């Protein structure tokens, strides 16, 4: 899931800085930074929080990007 989540998280938060993502999700800045740089993948409770904040499903966060092999 890590590469897929990383790519999708960057896509849904495009144009936002870490402070804006932190405010939208309620997650701490360190976690958001690690998710954006791909060094960590959130567990299910945080995935749900991100999904709610950006009005996407947890599955959408884990789906391969269209056209990706």
Protein backbone atom coordinates (compact mmCIF):
# COMPACT_ATOMS: atom_id res chain seq x y z
CA UNK A 1 0.00 0.00 0.00
CA UNK A 2 2.82 2.45 0.73
CA UNK A 3 3.61 3.67 -2.79
CA UNK A 4 -0.05 3.80 -3.75
CA UNK A 5 -1.04 5.67 -0.58
CA UNK A 6 1.88 8.07 -0.94
CA UNK A 7 0.94 8.98 -4.51
CA UNK A 8 -2.76 9.36 -3.73
CA UNK A 9 -2.13 11.40 -0.59
CA UNK A 10 0.06 13.78 -2.57
CA UNK A 11 -2.62 13.99 -5.26
CA UNK A 12 -5.53 14.79 -2.92
CA UNK A 13 -3.52 17.34 -0.96
CA UNK A 14 -1.92 19.03 -3.99
CA UNK A 15 -1.67 22.77 -3.55
CA UNK A 16 -1.82 22.60 0.23
CA UNK A 17 1.05 23.08 2.62
CA UNK A 18 1.64 20.90 5.69
CA UNK A 19 -0.10 23.37 8.01
CA UNK A 20 -3.25 23.30 5.85
CA UNK A 21 -3.25 19.49 5.70
CA UNK A 22 -2.72 19.33 9.45
CA UNK A 23 -5.67 21.64 10.03
CA UNK A 24 -7.92 19.68 7.65
CA UNK A 25 -7.06 16.26 9.09
CA UNK A 26 -6.22 16.97 12.71
CA UNK A 27 -2.96 15.04 12.31
CA UNK A 28 0.36 16.32 13.62
CA UNK A 29 2.84 17.98 11.26
CA UNK A 30 5.44 15.24 11.65
CA UNK A 31 3.01 12.53 10.56
CA UNK A 32 1.78 14.56 7.59
CA UNK A 33 5.36 15.20 6.51
CA UNK A 34 6.23 11.49 6.71
CA UNK A 35 3.11 10.54 4.74
CA UNK A 36 3.94 13.09 2.05
CA UNK A 37 7.55 11.97 1.68
CA UNK A 38 6.58 8.31 1.65
CA UNK A 39 8.55 7.24 4.71
CA UNK A 40 5.41 6.17 6.61
CA UNK A 41 1.95 4.86 5.86
CA UNK A 42 -0.89 5.57 8.28
CA UNK A 43 -2.82 2.85 10.04
CA UNK A 44 -6.54 2.45 9.45
CA UNK A 45 -7.79 5.03 12.02
CA UNK A 46 -5.67 7.74 10.44
CA UNK A 47 -6.56 6.60 6.94
CA UNK A 48 -10.20 7.06 7.89
CA UNK A 49 -9.49 10.53 9.25
CA UNK A 50 -7.73 11.54 6.02
CA UNK A 51 -10.51 10.05 3.90
CA UNK A 52 -13.19 11.98 5.84
CA UNK A 53 -11.25 15.23 5.63
CA UNK A 54 -10.90 14.99 1.84
CA UNK A 55 -14.25 13.34 1.11
CA UNK A 56 -12.74 10.20 -0.41
CA UNK A 57 -13.01 6.56 0.56
CA UNK A 58 -10.24 4.65 2.30
CA UNK A 59 -10.18 2.44 -0.78
CA UNK A 60 -9.51 5.46 -2.99
CA UNK A 61 -6.43 6.24 -0.92
CA UNK A 62 -5.14 2.74 -1.64
CA UNK A 63 -6.09 2.40 -5.33
CA UNK A 64 -3.41 2.59 -8.00
CA UNK A 65 -3.47 5.82 -9.97
CA UNK A 66 -5.11 5.57 -13.35
CA UNK A 67 -2.56 4.63 -15.98
CA UNK A 68 -0.07 3.36 -13.40
CA UNK A 69 1.29 -0.10 -13.96
